[in-house]
Amino acid sequence: MMILYLALLLLAVFVIFYFRLYLFAFPTHRLIILMYHQIEEETCEDLTVSLKNLEQQFSYLQKEKYTAKFFSELGTPASKSIILTFDDGYKNNFKYLPALLEKYNLKATIFIPTSFIQEGYGDYEMMTFEDLRSLPEKYIELALHSHSHQNFRDVSAGFIERDLEKNMQILESQSIKYSKILAYPYGKYPKKKADKDILFSNLKKIGIDFAVRIGNKVNYFPTRHPYELCRVDIKGGDSLIKFKLKLIFGRLKLF
């Protein structure tokens, strides 16, 4: 039994590894979505990338001719499509991101939980609505991260729908342009198929085009699962070599 289990495990690893190499070899159908949070000059935290590391990563993307896109541009084919995403609306994104994106001719999507903008988030300094309005549209699009940033596995379908509608209403009331793209808070959504089907039906009803989880995989695109796009989590301690490997494989447990 143990030998059979190990054989199946090795087969699964081989299939996953082979498929990710296939996507790397045929990049037209390959979509990488990277996930970031904070940017600081120096850091030792997983959810914060240093300014030096981020600039090295952006420089590499430019050098290797990756095409950074907004979600609205996914219908335009490109050999190396990539979407850069930042969660939560931290003030340090406002401070550092626009200049870096312009320098390396890249684009990024920032997912906004409106309660963090209205009420703050712990001891972190968050952007204001005025900050959001003044971000350069050429390089940055804003999108949805719910209003209250509750784990979607812990709340009802009705709560989720009302919360997302509030997320959109607040942005609209503040004259802030946004795309109807959702990043699930904590990367989570219901596990049970019935609950997931209800969620996806509600997302379609309120006009959400795509939704992203974590997953740490490279996506095949076009996709039949627009509400389950995966993001690759870029950690503060990732070396440039590890960053390059994540662009190929996503995150394998081998590294």
Protein backbone atom coordinates (compact mmCIF):
# COMPACT_ATOMS: atom_id res chain seq x y z
CA MET A 1 0.00 0.00 0.00
CA MET A 2 2.82 2.40 0.88
CA ILE A 3 4.55 1.70 -2.46
CA LEU A 4 1.30 2.41 -4.34
CA TYR A 5 0.82 5.66 -2.42
CA LEU A 6 4.36 6.81 -3.21
CA ALA A 7 3.93 5.89 -6.87
CA LEU A 8 0.72 7.90 -7.11
CA LEU A 9 2.36 10.83 -5.33
CA LEU A 10 5.31 10.80 -7.73
CA LEU A 11 2.94 10.58 -10.68
CA ALA A 12 0.97 13.59 -9.41
CA VAL A 13 4.15 15.62 -8.94
CA PHE A 14 5.30 14.66 -12.45
CA VAL A 15 1.97 15.66 -14.03
CA ILE A 16 1.95 19.03 -12.25
CA PHE A 17 5.58 19.68 -13.12
CA TYR A 18 5.07 18.64 -16.76
CA PHE A 19 1.98 20.80 -17.19
CA ARG A 20 3.74 23.87 -15.82
CA LEU A 21 6.68 23.24 -18.16
CA TYR A 22 4.19 22.89 -21.02
CA LEU A 23 2.73 26.30 -20.22
CA PHE A 24 6.22 27.75 -20.07
CA ALA A 25 7.06 26.27 -23.50
CA PHE A 26 3.82 27.57 -25.06
CA PRO A 27 3.40 31.00 -23.43
CA THR A 28 0.48 32.25 -25.56
CA HIS A 29 -1.92 30.44 -23.20
CA ARG A 30 0.02 31.29 -20.08
CA LEU A 31 -1.18 33.90 -17.59
CA ILE A 32 0.84 34.72 -14.47
CA ILE A 33 -0.83 36.78 -11.75
CA LEU A 34 1.52 37.89 -8.99
CA MET A 35 0.32 38.87 -5.52
CA TYR A 36 1.99 41.54 -3.40
CA HIS A 37 0.95 43.51 -0.34
CA GLN A 38 3.27 46.12 1.17
CA ILE A 39 6.44 47.84 -0.06
CA GLU A 40 9.08 49.21 2.33
CA GLU A 41 12.70 50.28 1.97
CA GLU A 42 13.72 47.37 4.22
CA THR A 43 11.72 44.43 5.53
CA CYS A 44 11.87 41.04 7.21
CA GLU A 45 8.14 40.29 6.82
CA ASP A 46 6.61 37.83 4.36
CA LEU A 47 3.87 40.21 3.24
CA THR A 48 6.22 43.13 2.66
CA VAL A 49 8.68 43.30 -0.23
CA SER A 50 11.70 45.57 -0.02
CA LEU A 51 12.02 48.41 -2.49
CA LYS A 52 15.32 46.94 -3.73
CA ASN A 53 13.83 43.50 -4.37
CA LEU A 54 10.74 44.89 -6.06
CA GLU A 55 12.86 47.01 -8.39
CA GLN A 56 15.00 43.97 -9.25
CA GLN A 57 11.85 41.99 -10.03
CA PHE A 58 10.36 44.76 -12.17
CA SER A 59 13.65 45.21 -14.00
CA TYR A 60 13.74 41.49 -14.77
CA LEU A 61 10.17 41.56 -16.11
CA GLN A 62 11.06 44.44 -18.41
CA LYS A 63 14.30 42.82 -19.56
CA GLU A 64 12.53 39.54 -20.35
CA LYS A 65 9.78 41.41 -22.23
CA TYR A 66 6.83 40.40 -20.08
CA THR A 67 3.62 42.18 -21.05
CA ALA A 68 1.99 43.61 -17.94
CA LYS A 69 -1.76 43.91 -18.34
CA PHE A 70 -4.90 45.14 -16.68
CA PHE A 71 -7.63 42.52 -16.41
CA SER A 72 -9.60 44.37 -19.09
CA GLU A 73 -6.78 43.63 -21.53
CA LEU A 74 -6.78 39.86 -21.15
CA GLY A 75 -8.48 39.44 -24.51
CA THR A 76 -5.39 40.81 -26.26
CA PRO A 77 -2.94 37.95 -26.96
CA ALA A 78 0.65 38.31 -25.78
CA SER A 79 3.48 35.82 -25.50
CA LYS A 80 4.32 36.67 -21.87
CA SER A 81 1.20 37.98 -20.16
CA ILE A 82 1.50 38.96 -16.52
CA ILE A 83 -0.73 40.80 -14.06
CA LEU A 84 0.78 42.46 -11.00
CA THR A 85 -1.60 42.78 -8.06
CA PHE A 86 -1.32 44.51 -4.68
CA ASP A 87 -3.84 43.99 -1.88
CA ASP A 88 -5.43 46.26 0.70
CA GLY A 89 -4.49 49.84 -0.30
CA TYR A 90 -1.45 50.54 1.86
CA LYS A 91 -0.02 54.06 1.80
CA ASN A 92 3.40 52.68 0.88
CA ASN A 93 1.90 51.45 -2.41
CA PHE A 94 0.94 55.05 -3.15
CA LYS A 95 4.43 56.23 -2.18
CA TYR A 96 6.51 53.80 -4.23
CA LEU A 97 4.46 52.01 -6.86
CA PRO A 98 3.56 54.66 -9.48
CA ALA A 99 7.16 55.74 -10.09
CA LEU A 100 8.40 52.14 -10.36
CA LEU A 101 5.65 51.16 -12.78
CA GLU A 102 6.39 54.15 -14.97
CA LYS A 103 10.15 53.49 -14.86
CA TYR A 104 9.75 49.90 -16.06
CA ASN A 105 6.66 50.43 -18.23
CA LEU A 106 4.49 48.07 -16.21
CA LYS A 107 0.92 48.08 -14.90
CA ALA A 108 -0.63 46.93 -11.64
CA THR A 109 -4.02 46.29 -10.07
CA ILE A 110 -4.66 47.33 -6.46
CA PHE A 111 -7.51 45.56 -4.68
CA ILE A 112 -9.33 47.84 -2.25
CA PRO A 113 -11.32 46.83 0.86
CA THR A 114 -13.21 50.07 1.45
CA SER A 115 -13.49 49.65 5.23
CA PHE A 116 -9.67 49.81 5.42
CA ILE A 117 -9.76 53.17 3.65
CA GLN A 118 -12.60 54.51 5.79
CA GLU A 119 -11.59 53.16 9.19
CA GLY A 120 -7.95 52.13 8.90
CA TYR A 121 -6.40 48.72 9.40
CA GLY A 122 -4.55 48.06 12.63
CA ASP A 123 -1.43 50.19 12.92
CA TYR A 124 -0.86 50.34 9.15
CA GLU A 125 -1.08 53.60 7.25
CA MET A 126 -3.62 53.22 4.47
CA MET A 127 -4.35 55.29 1.42
CA THR A 128 -7.12 57.88 1.52
CA PHE A 129 -9.88 58.23 -1.04
CA GLU A 130 -8.03 61.25 -2.40
CA ASP A 131 -4.92 59.10 -2.83
CA LEU A 132 -6.97 56.53 -4.75
CA ARG A 133 -8.38 59.21 -7.04
CA SER A 134 -4.92 60.58 -7.80
CA LEU A 135 -3.27 57.28 -8.82
CA PRO A 136 -2.22 57.33 -12.50
CA GLU A 137 -4.77 55.40 -14.58
CA LYS A 138 -2.15 54.60 -17.20
CA TYR A 139 -0.27 52.40 -14.75
CA ILE A 140 -2.73 51.45 -12.00
CA GLU A 141 -6.27 50.12 -11.98
CA LEU A 142 -8.33 49.71 -8.83
CA ALA A 143 -10.50 46.69 -8.14
CA LEU A 144 -12.58 45.06 -5.40
CA HIS A 145 -11.46 43.33 -2.21
CA SER A 146 -14.86 43.39 -0.45
CA HIS A 147 -15.88 46.10 2.00
CA SER A 148 -15.30 44.48 5.38
CA HIS A 149 -12.55 42.00 4.41
CA GLN A 150 -14.31 39.01 5.96
CA ASN A 151 -13.29 35.45 5.14
CA PHE A 152 -15.89 34.29 2.60
CA ARG A 153 -15.86 30.80 4.15
CA ASP A 154 -17.22 32.21 7.40
CA VAL A 155 -20.15 34.30 6.14
CA SER A 156 -23.37 33.69 4.21
CA ALA A 157 -23.92 34.16 0.48
CA GLY A 158 -26.29 37.04 1.26
CA PHE A 159 -23.66 38.77 3.38
CA ILE A 160 -21.07 38.43 0.61
CA GLU A 161 -23.40 39.91 -2.00
CA ARG A 162 -24.34 42.87 0.21
CA ASP A 163 -20.73 43.44 1.21
CA LEU A 164 -19.51 43.51 -2.40
CA GLU A 165 -22.33 45.86 -3.38
CA LYS A 166 -21.25 48.15 -0.52
CA ASN A 167 -17.63 47.91 -1.74
CA MET A 168 -18.75 49.15 -5.16
CA GLN A 169 -21.19 51.76 -3.87
CA ILE A 170 -18.58 53.43 -1.66
CA LEU A 171 -16.05 53.63 -4.49
CA GLU A 172 -18.70 55.09 -6.79
CA SER A 173 -19.82 57.61 -4.17
CA GLN A 174 -16.20 58.78 -3.94
CA SER A 175 -15.96 59.12 -7.76
CA ILE A 176 -13.30 56.43 -7.91
CA LYS A 177 -13.02 54.45 -11.14
CA TYR A 178 -12.65 50.71 -10.60
CA SER A 179 -12.78 47.42 -12.48
CA LYS A 180 -15.24 44.70 -11.52
CA ILE A 181 -12.52 42.26 -10.56
CA LEU A 182 -12.52 40.66 -7.12
CA ALA A 183 -9.69 39.40 -4.94
CA TYR A 184 -11.16 37.11 -2.30
CA PRO A 185 -10.25 38.29 1.22
CA TYR A 186 -7.57 35.94 2.56
CA GLY A 187 -7.76 34.17 -0.82
CA LYS A 188 -10.69 32.11 0.50
CA TYR A 189 -14.11 31.15 -0.86
CA PRO A 190 -16.53 28.31 0.04
CA LYS A 191 -15.23 24.77 -0.37
CA LYS A 192 -18.55 22.97 -0.81
CA LYS A 193 -19.66 22.85 -4.43
CA ALA A 194 -23.22 23.97 -3.68
CA ASP A 195 -22.02 27.02 -1.73
CA LYS A 196 -19.43 27.79 -4.37
CA ASP A 197 -22.03 27.62 -7.14
CA ILE A 198 -24.23 30.10 -5.27
CA LEU A 199 -21.28 32.45 -4.80
CA PHE A 200 -20.27 32.31 -8.45
CA SER A 201 -23.88 32.87 -9.55
CA ASN A 202 -24.08 35.95 -7.31
CA LEU A 203 -20.76 37.27 -8.64
CA LYS A 204 -22.07 36.97 -12.18
CA LYS A 205 -25.32 38.67 -11.19
CA ILE A 206 -23.57 41.75 -9.82
CA GLY A 207 -21.28 41.96 -12.85
CA ILE A 208 -17.95 40.62 -11.55
CA ASP A 209 -15.80 39.64 -14.54
CA PHE A 210 -13.01 37.74 -12.80
CA ALA A 211 -12.10 36.73 -9.26
CA VAL A 212 -8.69 35.71 -7.96
CA ARG A 213 -7.64 33.39 -5.17
CA ILE A 214 -4.10 32.41 -4.18
CA GLY A 215 -3.47 28.89 -5.43
CA ASN A 216 0.16 29.67 -6.33
CA LYS A 217 -0.21 28.32 -9.86
CA VAL A 218 0.28 29.72 -13.35
CA ASN A 219 -3.07 29.97 -15.15
CA TYR A 220 -4.08 28.52 -18.50
CA PHE A 221 -5.93 31.27 -20.38
CA PRO A 222 -8.60 31.60 -21.78
CA THR A 223 -10.14 29.95 -18.76
CA ARG A 224 -13.41 28.17 -18.12
CA HIS A 225 -13.15 29.22 -14.47
CA PRO A 226 -13.13 33.05 -14.36
CA TYR A 227 -13.84 33.11 -10.61
CA GLU A 228 -10.95 30.82 -9.69
CA LEU A 229 -7.91 32.47 -11.23
CA CYS A 230 -4.76 31.74 -9.25
CA ARG A 231 -2.18 34.20 -7.98
CA VAL A 232 1.43 33.47 -7.15
CA ASP A 233 2.36 34.86 -3.74
CA ILE A 234 5.61 36.87 -3.80
CA LYS A 235 7.18 36.86 -0.35
CA GLY A 236 9.43 39.47 1.21
CA GLY A 237 12.26 36.98 1.55
CA ASP A 238 12.15 35.71 -2.05
CA SER A 239 15.50 35.96 -3.81
CA LEU A 240 15.62 36.95 -7.47
CA ILE A 241 16.31 33.32 -8.39
CA LYS A 242 13.25 32.18 -6.45
CA PHE A 243 11.21 34.92 -8.15
CA LYS A 244 12.32 33.64 -11.57
CA LEU A 245 11.37 30.07 -10.61
CA LYS A 246 7.94 31.23 -9.46
CA LEU A 247 7.38 32.83 -12.88
CA ILE A 248 7.89 29.38 -14.43
CA PHE A 249 6.31 27.01 -11.93
CA GLY A 250 4.25 29.07 -9.54
CA ARG A 251 5.13 27.77 -6.10
CA LEU A 252 6.18 24.16 -5.92
CA LYS A 253 6.85 22.68 -2.49
CA LEU A 254 10.27 21.77 -3.82
CA PHE A 255 11.41 25.36 -3.18
